[in-house]
Amino acid sequence: MKKRVNIFQPQFDAVLGDKTIQPWLPYSAACLWAYAQTFDDITDAWQLERLHYQRLPIDEVLDGLQEPDLCAFSCYVWNEQYNLKLAEAIKTRWPQCQIVFGGPQTGANHLGNDFIDCIVMSEGEVCFRDILRQIRDGVALEKLMRRPRMADLEIPSPYLIGLFDDIVDTAPPDTLFQTVLETSRGCPFPCTFCDWGTL
């Protein structure tokens, strides 16, 4: 039986006139699985249960999970506190589930939360692949994981491989989704008002 992974990048709904705009499609979260699924040893051992993009009540999220083996959270300022509460609730219900935090808002301060097993302090794709292999092999996760910048960004497009199809297909017919197209990664300038160059 394959292990189950859930990846969370929850957003807020927005309102435009009389229409509710669904949050951004969870591009960062989807890139993690888009990269990981290119390795046969990962897809032989793991299945992506769901990409979570909505900020739902925590009890509703818990009721929708099926004994997860790994829950990974992409954190930014607008979802950090929600993610912390949800991750703690998941760990309380399923103590064996590994909890991983990454994203721009994640820092060493998160190591103080005993329900977080690992934090990622660099680009997520390679670290996520390594995390999946470590859990599969029964190896204890590194508390703080960091890898060199990716030199090869030939990552399959989450759009083209269908990772968002279920999200779009199950949304109400008049749903307006917001999307990201990644045309570059990183920046040589460390401007204090922006995190694009922080890596």
N, C-alpha and C. Protein backbone atom coordinates (compact mmCIF):
# COMPACT_ATOMS: atom_id res chain seq x y z
N MET A 1 0.84 -1.19 0.00
CA MET A 1 0.00 0.00 0.00
C MET A 1 0.88 1.25 0.00
N LYS A 2 0.54 2.19 -0.86
CA LYS A 2 1.35 3.40 -0.98
C LYS A 2 1.10 4.34 0.21
N LYS A 3 2.15 5.09 0.55
CA LYS A 3 2.03 6.11 1.58
C LYS A 3 1.30 7.32 1.01
N ARG A 4 0.61 8.06 1.89
CA ARG A 4 -0.20 9.19 1.45
C ARG A 4 0.47 10.51 1.84
N VAL A 5 0.52 11.43 0.87
CA VAL A 5 1.04 12.76 1.13
C VAL A 5 -0.03 13.79 0.78
N ASN A 6 -0.17 14.79 1.65
CA ASN A 6 -1.03 15.94 1.41
C ASN A 6 -0.16 17.18 1.44
N ILE A 7 -0.40 18.10 0.50
CA ILE A 7 0.39 19.33 0.43
C ILE A 7 -0.57 20.51 0.56
N PHE A 8 -0.24 21.42 1.47
CA PHE A 8 -1.12 22.54 1.81
C PHE A 8 -0.51 23.87 1.39
N GLN A 9 -1.30 24.67 0.67
CA GLN A 9 -0.97 26.05 0.35
C GLN A 9 -2.27 26.85 0.41
N PRO A 10 -2.86 26.97 1.60
CA PRO A 10 -4.19 27.59 1.72
C PRO A 10 -4.17 29.09 1.48
N GLN A 11 -5.23 29.56 0.82
CA GLN A 11 -5.38 30.97 0.47
C GLN A 11 -6.72 31.48 0.96
N PHE A 12 -6.94 32.78 0.83
CA PHE A 12 -8.23 33.39 1.08
C PHE A 12 -9.01 33.49 -0.23
N ASP A 13 -10.34 33.41 -0.15
CA ASP A 13 -11.17 33.78 -1.29
C ASP A 13 -11.15 35.30 -1.41
N ALA A 14 -11.37 35.80 -2.61
CA ALA A 14 -11.50 37.24 -2.83
C ALA A 14 -12.83 37.48 -3.54
N VAL A 15 -13.31 38.72 -3.50
CA VAL A 15 -14.58 39.05 -4.14
C VAL A 15 -14.32 40.13 -5.18
N LEU A 16 -14.82 39.92 -6.39
CA LEU A 16 -14.71 40.90 -7.47
C LEU A 16 -16.11 41.16 -7.98
N GLY A 17 -16.66 42.32 -7.65
CA GLY A 17 -18.04 42.62 -8.01
C GLY A 17 -18.97 41.64 -7.34
N ASP A 18 -19.74 40.90 -8.14
CA ASP A 18 -20.67 39.92 -7.58
C ASP A 18 -20.11 38.50 -7.66
N LYS A 19 -18.83 38.37 -8.00
CA LYS A 19 -18.22 37.05 -8.14
C LYS A 19 -17.20 36.80 -7.03
N THR A 20 -17.22 35.58 -6.53
CA THR A 20 -16.17 35.15 -5.62
C THR A 20 -15.05 34.56 -6.44
N ILE A 21 -13.86 35.10 -6.26
CA ILE A 21 -12.69 34.59 -6.97
C ILE A 21 -12.02 33.57 -6.06
N GLN A 22 -11.85 32.38 -6.55
CA GLN A 22 -11.16 31.37 -5.76
C GLN A 22 -9.71 31.78 -5.57
N PRO A 23 -9.08 31.26 -4.56
CA PRO A 23 -7.68 31.61 -4.32
C PRO A 23 -6.80 31.20 -5.50
N TRP A 24 -5.55 31.59 -5.39
CA TRP A 24 -4.58 31.17 -6.39
C TRP A 24 -4.52 29.65 -6.42
N LEU A 25 -4.41 29.09 -7.60
CA LEU A 25 -4.12 27.67 -7.68
C LEU A 25 -2.77 27.45 -6.98
N PRO A 26 -2.64 26.36 -6.22
CA PRO A 26 -1.45 26.18 -5.35
C PRO A 26 -0.21 25.77 -6.15
N TYR A 27 0.32 26.72 -6.90
CA TYR A 27 1.42 26.44 -7.82
C TYR A 27 2.67 25.93 -7.11
N SER A 28 3.07 26.61 -6.03
CA SER A 28 4.30 26.20 -5.32
C SER A 28 4.17 24.77 -4.80
N ALA A 29 3.02 24.49 -4.20
CA ALA A 29 2.78 23.13 -3.68
C ALA A 29 2.78 22.11 -4.81
N ALA A 30 2.17 22.46 -5.92
CA ALA A 30 2.08 21.53 -7.05
C ALA A 30 3.46 21.26 -7.66
N CYS A 31 4.33 22.26 -7.65
CA CYS A 31 5.69 22.05 -8.19
C CYS A 31 6.44 20.97 -7.41
N LEU A 32 6.17 20.88 -6.10
CA LEU A 32 6.84 19.85 -5.31
C LEU A 32 6.51 18.46 -5.83
N TRP A 33 5.21 18.22 -6.05
CA TRP A 33 4.81 16.89 -6.53
C TRP A 33 5.15 16.71 -8.00
N ALA A 34 5.06 17.78 -8.81
CA ALA A 34 5.40 17.68 -10.23
C ALA A 34 6.84 17.19 -10.40
N TYR A 35 7.73 17.68 -9.54
CA TYR A 35 9.13 17.24 -9.60
C TYR A 35 9.28 15.83 -9.03
N ALA A 36 8.70 15.59 -7.86
CA ALA A 36 8.87 14.29 -7.19
C ALA A 36 8.35 13.14 -8.04
N GLN A 37 7.24 13.36 -8.75
CA GLN A 37 6.64 12.26 -9.50
C GLN A 37 7.43 11.89 -10.76
N THR A 38 8.51 12.61 -11.03
CA THR A 38 9.36 12.22 -12.16
C THR A 38 10.29 11.07 -11.79
N PHE A 39 10.31 10.68 -10.52
CA PHE A 39 11.17 9.60 -10.04
C PHE A 39 10.31 8.36 -9.77
N ASP A 40 10.61 7.27 -10.46
CA ASP A 40 9.79 6.06 -10.33
C ASP A 40 9.77 5.52 -8.91
N ASP A 41 10.90 5.64 -8.19
CA ASP A 41 10.91 5.11 -6.82
C ASP A 41 9.98 5.88 -5.91
N ILE A 42 9.69 7.15 -6.26
CA ILE A 42 8.73 7.95 -5.47
C ILE A 42 7.31 7.51 -5.80
N THR A 43 6.98 7.42 -7.08
CA THR A 43 5.60 7.05 -7.44
C THR A 43 5.28 5.60 -7.10
N ASP A 44 6.30 4.77 -6.98
CA ASP A 44 6.07 3.39 -6.54
C ASP A 44 5.68 3.34 -5.06
N ALA A 45 6.14 4.31 -4.28
CA ALA A 45 5.94 4.27 -2.83
C ALA A 45 4.90 5.27 -2.32
N TRP A 46 4.62 6.33 -3.09
CA TRP A 46 3.79 7.43 -2.60
C TRP A 46 2.65 7.74 -3.56
N GLN A 47 1.56 8.24 -2.97
CA GLN A 47 0.48 8.81 -3.77
C GLN A 47 0.13 10.18 -3.20
N LEU A 48 -0.11 11.13 -4.09
CA LEU A 48 -0.58 12.45 -3.67
C LEU A 48 -2.06 12.33 -3.38
N GLU A 49 -2.41 12.50 -2.11
CA GLU A 49 -3.83 12.41 -1.76
C GLU A 49 -4.56 13.67 -2.22
N ARG A 50 -3.95 14.84 -1.96
CA ARG A 50 -4.65 16.08 -2.31
C ARG A 50 -3.73 17.27 -2.19
N LEU A 51 -3.96 18.25 -3.09
CA LEU A 51 -3.40 19.59 -2.95
C LEU A 51 -4.46 20.44 -2.28
N HIS A 52 -4.16 20.98 -1.13
CA HIS A 52 -5.14 21.77 -0.36
C HIS A 52 -4.88 23.25 -0.62
N TYR A 53 -5.88 23.94 -1.16
CA TYR A 53 -5.70 25.34 -1.50
C TYR A 53 -6.70 26.27 -0.80
N GLN A 54 -7.73 25.71 -0.17
CA GLN A 54 -8.74 26.53 0.49
C GLN A 54 -8.49 26.59 1.99
N ARG A 55 -8.87 27.69 2.58
CA ARG A 55 -8.77 27.86 4.03
C ARG A 55 -10.09 27.40 4.64
N LEU A 56 -10.20 26.10 4.84
CA LEU A 56 -11.42 25.50 5.37
C LEU A 56 -11.32 25.38 6.88
N PRO A 57 -12.46 25.24 7.57
CA PRO A 57 -12.40 24.97 9.01
C PRO A 57 -11.54 23.74 9.29
N ILE A 58 -10.75 23.81 10.34
CA ILE A 58 -9.77 22.75 10.62
C ILE A 58 -10.44 21.40 10.80
N ASP A 59 -11.57 21.35 11.49
CA ASP A 59 -12.26 20.06 11.67
C ASP A 59 -12.68 19.47 10.33
N GLU A 60 -13.07 20.32 9.39
CA GLU A 60 -13.48 19.84 8.07
C GLU A 60 -12.28 19.25 7.31
N VAL A 61 -11.13 19.91 7.44
CA VAL A 61 -9.92 19.38 6.81
C VAL A 61 -9.56 18.03 7.41
N LEU A 62 -9.58 17.93 8.74
CA LEU A 62 -9.23 16.68 9.40
C LEU A 62 -10.15 15.55 8.98
N ASP A 63 -11.44 15.84 8.87
CA ASP A 63 -12.40 14.81 8.49
C ASP A 63 -12.19 14.33 7.05
N GLY A 64 -11.53 15.15 6.22
CA GLY A 64 -11.29 14.78 4.84
C GLY A 64 -9.99 14.03 4.61
N LEU A 65 -9.16 13.90 5.65
CA LEU A 65 -7.88 13.21 5.51
C LEU A 65 -8.03 11.73 5.84
N GLN A 66 -7.19 10.91 5.22
CA GLN A 66 -7.22 9.47 5.47
C GLN A 66 -5.86 9.01 5.97
N GLU A 67 -5.66 9.04 7.24
CA GLU A 67 -4.41 8.59 7.86
C GLU A 67 -3.18 9.00 7.05
N PRO A 68 -2.90 10.30 7.00
CA PRO A 68 -1.78 10.77 6.19
C PRO A 68 -0.43 10.34 6.78
N ASP A 69 0.52 10.08 5.88
CA ASP A 69 1.89 9.77 6.30
C ASP A 69 2.76 11.01 6.31
N LEU A 70 2.43 11.98 5.46
CA LEU A 70 3.18 13.23 5.36
C LEU A 70 2.23 14.35 5.01
N CYS A 71 2.34 15.45 5.75
CA CYS A 71 1.64 16.69 5.41
C CYS A 71 2.68 17.79 5.30
N ALA A 72 2.75 18.40 4.12
CA ALA A 72 3.72 19.45 3.85
C ALA A 72 2.99 20.77 3.68
N PHE A 73 3.53 21.83 4.28
CA PHE A 73 2.88 23.13 4.31
C PHE A 73 3.77 24.19 3.67
N SER A 74 3.21 24.92 2.70
CA SER A 74 3.88 26.07 2.11
C SER A 74 3.38 27.31 2.83
N CYS A 75 4.30 28.03 3.48
CA CYS A 75 3.90 29.12 4.38
C CYS A 75 4.30 30.49 3.86
N TYR A 76 3.35 31.38 3.97
CA TYR A 76 3.61 32.80 3.73
C TYR A 76 2.85 33.55 4.81
N VAL A 77 2.98 34.88 4.82
CA VAL A 77 2.44 35.66 5.93
C VAL A 77 0.93 35.46 6.08
N TRP A 78 0.21 35.23 4.97
CA TRP A 78 -1.24 35.12 5.05
C TRP A 78 -1.74 33.75 5.49
N ASN A 79 -0.86 32.74 5.58
CA ASN A 79 -1.38 31.44 6.00
C ASN A 79 -0.56 30.79 7.11
N GLU A 80 0.48 31.45 7.59
CA GLU A 80 1.36 30.83 8.59
C GLU A 80 0.60 30.38 9.83
N GLN A 81 -0.19 31.27 10.43
CA GLN A 81 -0.88 30.93 11.68
C GLN A 81 -1.92 29.85 11.47
N TYR A 82 -2.63 29.91 10.36
CA TYR A 82 -3.59 28.85 10.04
C TYR A 82 -2.86 27.52 9.88
N ASN A 83 -1.75 27.52 9.14
CA ASN A 83 -0.97 26.30 8.94
C ASN A 83 -0.48 25.72 10.25
N LEU A 84 -0.02 26.58 11.15
CA LEU A 84 0.47 26.09 12.45
C LEU A 84 -0.64 25.39 13.23
N LYS A 85 -1.82 26.00 13.25
CA LYS A 85 -2.95 25.39 13.98
C LYS A 85 -3.37 24.07 13.33
N LEU A 86 -3.43 24.07 12.00
CA LEU A 86 -3.84 22.85 11.30
C LEU A 86 -2.80 21.75 11.48
N ALA A 87 -1.53 22.09 11.37
CA ALA A 87 -0.47 21.08 11.52
C ALA A 87 -0.50 20.47 12.92
N GLU A 88 -0.72 21.29 13.92
CA GLU A 88 -0.78 20.78 15.29
C GLU A 88 -1.97 19.83 15.46
N ALA A 89 -3.10 20.19 14.85
CA ALA A 89 -4.29 19.33 14.93
C ALA A 89 -4.06 17.99 14.21
N ILE A 90 -3.38 18.03 13.08
CA ILE A 90 -3.08 16.80 12.35
C ILE A 90 -2.17 15.91 13.19
N LYS A 91 -1.13 16.51 13.79
CA LYS A 91 -0.18 15.73 14.59
C LYS A 91 -0.86 15.14 15.83
N THR A 92 -1.82 15.86 16.38
CA THR A 92 -2.55 15.36 17.54
C THR A 92 -3.38 14.14 17.17
N ARG A 93 -4.04 14.21 16.00
CA ARG A 93 -4.89 13.08 15.59
C ARG A 93 -4.06 11.91 15.05
N TRP A 94 -3.00 12.21 14.30
CA TRP A 94 -2.17 11.17 13.69
C TRP A 94 -0.71 11.41 14.09
N PRO A 95 -0.30 11.00 15.27
CA PRO A 95 1.06 11.29 15.75
C PRO A 95 2.16 10.74 14.85
N GLN A 96 1.87 9.70 14.06
CA GLN A 96 2.88 9.12 13.18
C GLN A 96 3.08 9.95 11.91
N CYS A 97 2.18 10.88 11.61
CA CYS A 97 2.27 11.69 10.39
C CYS A 97 3.43 12.67 10.52
N GLN A 98 4.27 12.72 9.50
CA GLN A 98 5.39 13.66 9.48
C GLN A 98 4.89 15.01 8.99
N ILE A 99 5.28 16.07 9.69
CA ILE A 99 4.86 17.43 9.35
C ILE A 99 6.09 18.21 8.89
N VAL A 100 6.00 18.80 7.69
CA VAL A 100 7.10 19.55 7.10
C VAL A 100 6.61 20.96 6.74
N PHE A 101 7.41 21.96 7.11
CA PHE A 101 7.10 23.35 6.78
C PHE A 101 8.16 23.90 5.85
N GLY A 102 7.74 24.67 4.85
CA GLY A 102 8.64 25.36 3.95
C GLY A 102 7.97 26.61 3.43
N GLY A 103 8.66 27.32 2.57
CA GLY A 103 8.12 28.55 2.00
C GLY A 103 8.76 29.78 2.61
N PRO A 104 8.47 30.96 2.05
CA PRO A 104 9.15 32.20 2.46
C PRO A 104 9.00 32.55 3.93
N GLN A 105 7.88 32.17 4.56
CA GLN A 105 7.63 32.54 5.95
C GLN A 105 8.30 31.60 6.94
N THR A 106 8.83 30.49 6.46
CA THR A 106 9.39 29.48 7.35
C THR A 106 10.79 29.88 7.79
N GLY A 107 11.04 29.75 9.09
CA GLY A 107 12.36 30.07 9.63
C GLY A 107 12.70 29.16 10.78
N ALA A 108 13.90 29.34 11.31
CA ALA A 108 14.37 28.50 12.41
C ALA A 108 13.45 28.59 13.63
N ASN A 109 12.70 29.68 13.74
CA ASN A 109 11.76 29.84 14.86
C ASN A 109 10.71 28.73 14.87
N HIS A 110 10.43 28.14 13.72
CA HIS A 110 9.43 27.07 13.67
C HIS A 110 9.93 25.78 14.32
N LEU A 111 11.23 25.67 14.52
CA LEU A 111 11.75 24.47 15.18
C LEU A 111 11.28 24.35 16.62
N GLY A 112 10.80 25.45 17.19
CA GLY A 112 10.29 25.43 18.55
C GLY A 112 8.94 24.75 18.69
N ASN A 113 8.31 24.42 17.59
CA ASN A 113 7.01 23.73 17.61
C ASN A 113 7.25 22.23 17.52
N ASP A 114 6.95 21.52 18.60
CA ASP A 114 7.30 20.09 18.63
C ASP A 114 6.47 19.24 17.67
N PHE A 115 5.42 19.81 17.07
CA PHE A 115 4.62 19.04 16.11
C PHE A 115 5.19 19.15 14.70
N ILE A 116 6.21 19.98 14.48
CA ILE A 116 6.86 20.10 13.18
C ILE A 116 8.10 19.21 13.18
N ASP A 117 8.17 18.29 12.24
CA ASP A 117 9.29 17.35 12.19
C ASP A 117 10.47 17.88 11.40
N CYS A 118 10.21 18.76 10.42
CA CYS A 118 11.29 19.23 9.55
C CYS A 118 10.88 20.58 8.97
N ILE A 119 11.85 21.48 8.84
CA ILE A 119 11.62 22.72 8.10
C ILE A 119 12.61 22.76 6.94
N VAL A 120 12.14 23.30 5.83
CA VAL A 120 12.95 23.42 4.62
C VAL A 120 13.30 24.88 4.42
N MET A 121 14.60 25.14 4.32
CA MET A 121 15.08 26.52 4.23
C MET A 121 15.72 26.79 2.87
N SER A 122 15.23 26.18 1.82
CA SER A 122 15.73 26.42 0.47
C SER A 122 14.62 26.04 -0.50
N GLU A 123 14.92 26.08 -1.79
CA GLU A 123 13.92 25.65 -2.75
C GLU A 123 13.40 24.27 -2.34
N GLY A 124 12.12 24.04 -2.61
CA GLY A 124 11.51 22.86 -2.04
C GLY A 124 11.60 21.56 -2.81
N GLU A 125 11.77 21.61 -4.12
CA GLU A 125 11.61 20.40 -4.92
C GLU A 125 12.56 19.27 -4.52
N VAL A 126 13.87 19.56 -4.48
CA VAL A 126 14.85 18.51 -4.17
C VAL A 126 14.70 18.05 -2.72
N CYS A 127 14.49 19.00 -1.82
CA CYS A 127 14.28 18.63 -0.41
C CYS A 127 13.06 17.74 -0.26
N PHE A 128 11.97 18.09 -0.94
CA PHE A 128 10.74 17.30 -0.84
C PHE A 128 10.98 15.88 -1.34
N ARG A 129 11.66 15.73 -2.46
CA ARG A 129 12.00 14.40 -2.96
C ARG A 129 12.80 13.61 -1.92
N ASP A 130 13.79 14.28 -1.31
CA ASP A 130 14.62 13.61 -0.31
C ASP A 130 13.80 13.23 0.93
N ILE A 131 12.87 14.09 1.31
CA ILE A 131 11.99 13.80 2.46
C ILE A 131 11.15 12.56 2.18
N LEU A 132 10.57 12.48 0.99
CA LEU A 132 9.76 11.31 0.63
C LEU A 132 10.59 10.03 0.70
N ARG A 133 11.83 10.09 0.24
CA ARG A 133 12.69 8.91 0.29
C ARG A 133 13.07 8.55 1.72
N GLN A 134 13.35 9.55 2.55
CA GLN A 134 13.73 9.27 3.93
C GLN A 134 12.58 8.62 4.70
N ILE A 135 11.39 9.15 4.53
CA ILE A 135 10.23 8.57 5.22
C ILE A 135 9.99 7.14 4.72
N ARG A 136 10.05 6.95 3.42
CA ARG A 136 9.86 5.62 2.83
C ARG A 136 10.86 4.62 3.41
N ASP A 137 12.10 5.07 3.60
CA ASP A 137 13.17 4.18 4.07
C ASP A 137 13.27 4.11 5.59
N GLY A 138 12.37 4.80 6.30
CA GLY A 138 12.40 4.77 7.76
C GLY A 138 13.54 5.55 8.37
N VAL A 139 14.08 6.52 7.63
CA VAL A 139 15.18 7.34 8.11
C VAL A 139 14.61 8.58 8.79
N ALA A 140 15.13 8.93 9.95
CA ALA A 140 14.66 10.12 10.67
C ALA A 140 14.93 11.37 9.83
N LEU A 141 13.95 12.25 9.76
CA LEU A 141 14.11 13.48 8.98
C LEU A 141 15.10 14.43 9.64
N GLU A 142 15.83 15.14 8.81
CA GLU A 142 16.65 16.25 9.32
C GLU A 142 15.70 17.31 9.85
N LYS A 143 16.02 17.90 11.00
CA LYS A 143 15.15 18.93 11.56
C LYS A 143 15.13 20.18 10.68
N LEU A 144 16.28 20.53 10.14
CA LEU A 144 16.40 21.68 9.26
C LEU A 144 17.07 21.23 7.97
N MET A 145 16.36 21.33 6.87
CA MET A 145 16.87 20.82 5.61
C MET A 145 17.17 21.99 4.67
N ARG A 146 18.33 21.91 4.05
CA ARG A 146 18.75 22.94 3.10
C ARG A 146 19.52 22.26 1.98
N ARG A 147 19.26 22.64 0.75
CA ARG A 147 19.95 22.10 -0.40
C ARG A 147 20.41 23.26 -1.28
N PRO A 148 21.43 23.01 -2.14
CA PRO A 148 21.87 24.07 -3.07
C PRO A 148 20.76 24.45 -4.04
N ARG A 149 20.86 25.66 -4.61
CA ARG A 149 19.90 26.10 -5.62
C ARG A 149 19.84 25.09 -6.76
N MET A 150 18.69 24.92 -7.34
CA MET A 150 18.53 24.03 -8.49
C MET A 150 19.17 24.66 -9.72
N ALA A 151 19.99 23.91 -10.40
CA ALA A 151 20.61 24.40 -11.63
C ALA A 151 19.72 24.10 -12.83
N ASP A 152 18.96 23.02 -12.76
CA ASP A 152 18.10 22.60 -13.86
C ASP A 152 16.65 22.78 -13.46
N LEU A 153 15.98 23.74 -14.08
CA LEU A 153 14.58 24.01 -13.75
C LEU A 153 13.61 23.34 -14.74
N GLU A 154 14.05 22.26 -15.34
CA GLU A 154 13.18 21.50 -16.25
C GLU A 154 12.22 20.65 -15.41
N ILE A 155 11.34 21.31 -14.70
CA ILE A 155 10.34 20.65 -13.86
C ILE A 155 9.05 20.57 -14.68
N PRO A 156 8.37 19.43 -14.69
CA PRO A 156 7.10 19.36 -15.43
C PRO A 156 6.12 20.43 -14.94
N SER A 157 5.37 20.98 -15.87
CA SER A 157 4.38 21.99 -15.52
C SER A 157 3.21 21.35 -14.79
N PRO A 158 2.86 21.84 -13.59
CA PRO A 158 1.67 21.30 -12.90
C PRO A 158 0.41 21.44 -13.73
N TYR A 159 0.35 22.48 -14.58
CA TYR A 159 -0.82 22.67 -15.44
C TYR A 159 -0.88 21.57 -16.50
N LEU A 160 0.24 21.32 -17.16
CA LEU A 160 0.24 20.39 -18.29
C LEU A 160 0.09 18.94 -17.86
N ILE A 161 0.54 18.60 -16.65
CA ILE A 161 0.40 17.20 -16.21
C ILE A 161 -0.90 16.96 -15.43
N GLY A 162 -1.73 17.99 -15.34
CA GLY A 162 -3.08 17.80 -14.81
C GLY A 162 -3.23 17.87 -13.30
N LEU A 163 -2.27 18.46 -12.60
CA LEU A 163 -2.37 18.49 -11.14
C LEU A 163 -3.51 19.38 -10.65
N PHE A 164 -3.96 20.32 -11.46
CA PHE A 164 -5.05 21.21 -11.04
C PHE A 164 -6.40 20.79 -11.62
N ASP A 165 -6.42 19.72 -12.41
CA ASP A 165 -7.67 19.35 -13.09
C ASP A 165 -8.80 19.08 -12.11
N ASP A 166 -8.51 18.34 -11.03
CA ASP A 166 -9.56 18.01 -10.07
C ASP A 166 -10.08 19.27 -9.37
N ILE A 167 -9.17 20.18 -9.04
CA ILE A 167 -9.58 21.44 -8.40
C ILE A 167 -10.52 22.21 -9.31
N VAL A 168 -10.15 22.35 -10.58
CA VAL A 168 -10.95 23.11 -11.53
C VAL A 168 -12.26 22.40 -11.83
N ASP A 169 -12.21 21.08 -12.00
CA ASP A 169 -13.41 20.32 -12.37
C ASP A 169 -14.46 20.30 -11.28
N THR A 170 -14.05 20.37 -10.02
CA THR A 170 -15.02 20.30 -8.92
C THR A 170 -15.45 21.66 -8.40
N ALA A 171 -14.94 22.73 -8.99
CA ALA A 171 -15.33 24.08 -8.57
C ALA A 171 -16.66 24.46 -9.20
N PRO A 172 -17.39 25.39 -8.58
CA PRO A 172 -18.63 25.87 -9.21
C PRO A 172 -18.36 26.40 -10.62
N PRO A 173 -19.35 26.30 -11.52
CA PRO A 173 -19.12 26.64 -12.93
C PRO A 173 -18.60 28.06 -13.18
N ASP A 174 -18.99 29.02 -12.36
CA ASP A 174 -18.58 30.41 -12.61
C ASP A 174 -17.32 30.81 -11.84
N THR A 175 -16.57 29.83 -11.35
CA THR A 175 -15.38 30.11 -10.56
C THR A 175 -14.31 30.78 -11.41
N LEU A 176 -13.71 31.82 -10.84
CA LEU A 176 -12.57 32.49 -11.47
C LEU A 176 -11.33 32.14 -10.67
N PHE A 177 -10.41 31.40 -11.26
CA PHE A 177 -9.17 31.04 -10.57
C PHE A 177 -8.08 32.03 -10.91
N GLN A 178 -7.21 32.26 -9.95
CA GLN A 178 -6.01 33.05 -10.19
C GLN A 178 -4.85 32.07 -10.37
N THR A 179 -3.96 32.38 -11.29
CA THR A 179 -2.89 31.45 -11.61
C THR A 179 -1.53 32.13 -11.60
N VAL A 180 -0.50 31.33 -11.47
CA VAL A 180 0.89 31.78 -11.52
C VAL A 180 1.56 31.13 -12.72
N LEU A 181 2.33 31.91 -13.46
CA LEU A 181 3.22 31.38 -14.49
C LEU A 181 4.63 31.76 -14.09
N GLU A 182 5.45 30.77 -13.82
CA GLU A 182 6.82 31.02 -13.37
C GLU A 182 7.73 31.15 -14.59
N THR A 183 8.17 32.37 -14.87
CA THR A 183 9.04 32.61 -16.03
C THR A 183 10.51 32.70 -15.63
N SER A 184 10.77 32.87 -14.36
CA SER A 184 12.15 32.88 -13.85
C SER A 184 12.08 32.54 -12.37
N ARG A 185 13.24 32.24 -11.80
CA ARG A 185 13.28 31.93 -10.38
C ARG A 185 14.49 32.60 -9.76
N GLY A 186 14.25 33.33 -8.69
CA GLY A 186 15.35 34.02 -8.02
C GLY A 186 15.63 35.37 -8.66
N CYS A 187 16.46 36.14 -7.98
CA CYS A 187 16.80 37.49 -8.42
C CYS A 187 18.15 37.84 -7.83
N PRO A 188 19.00 38.57 -8.56
CA PRO A 188 20.32 38.92 -8.03
C PRO A 188 20.29 40.06 -7.01
N PHE A 189 19.13 40.71 -6.83
CA PHE A 189 19.06 41.88 -5.96
C PHE A 189 18.40 41.54 -4.63
N PRO A 190 19.02 41.85 -3.49
CA PRO A 190 18.43 41.54 -2.18
C PRO A 190 17.63 42.71 -1.60
N CYS A 191 16.65 43.21 -2.35
CA CYS A 191 15.85 44.35 -1.86
C CYS A 191 15.14 44.00 -0.56
N THR A 192 15.13 44.92 0.37
CA THR A 192 14.57 44.64 1.69
C THR A 192 13.05 44.47 1.67
N PHE A 193 12.39 44.99 0.64
CA PHE A 193 10.93 44.92 0.59
C PHE A 193 10.42 43.68 -0.16
N CYS A 194 11.34 42.80 -0.57
CA CYS A 194 10.94 41.69 -1.42
C CYS A 194 11.70 40.44 -1.01
N ASP A 195 11.06 39.27 -1.15
CA ASP A 195 11.76 38.02 -0.79
C ASP A 195 12.20 37.24 -2.01
N TRP A 196 12.03 37.77 -3.22
CA TRP A 196 12.35 37.01 -4.43
C TRP A 196 13.85 36.69 -4.51
N GLY A 197 14.67 37.58 -3.96
CA GLY A 197 16.11 37.37 -4.02
C GLY A 197 16.72 36.75 -2.80
N THR A 198 15.91 36.35 -1.84
CA THR A 198 16.48 35.89 -0.55
C THR A 198 17.27 34.62 -0.65
N LEU A 199 17.06 33.80 -1.68
CA LEU A 199 17.84 32.56 -1.80
C LEU A 199 19.19 32.82 -2.43
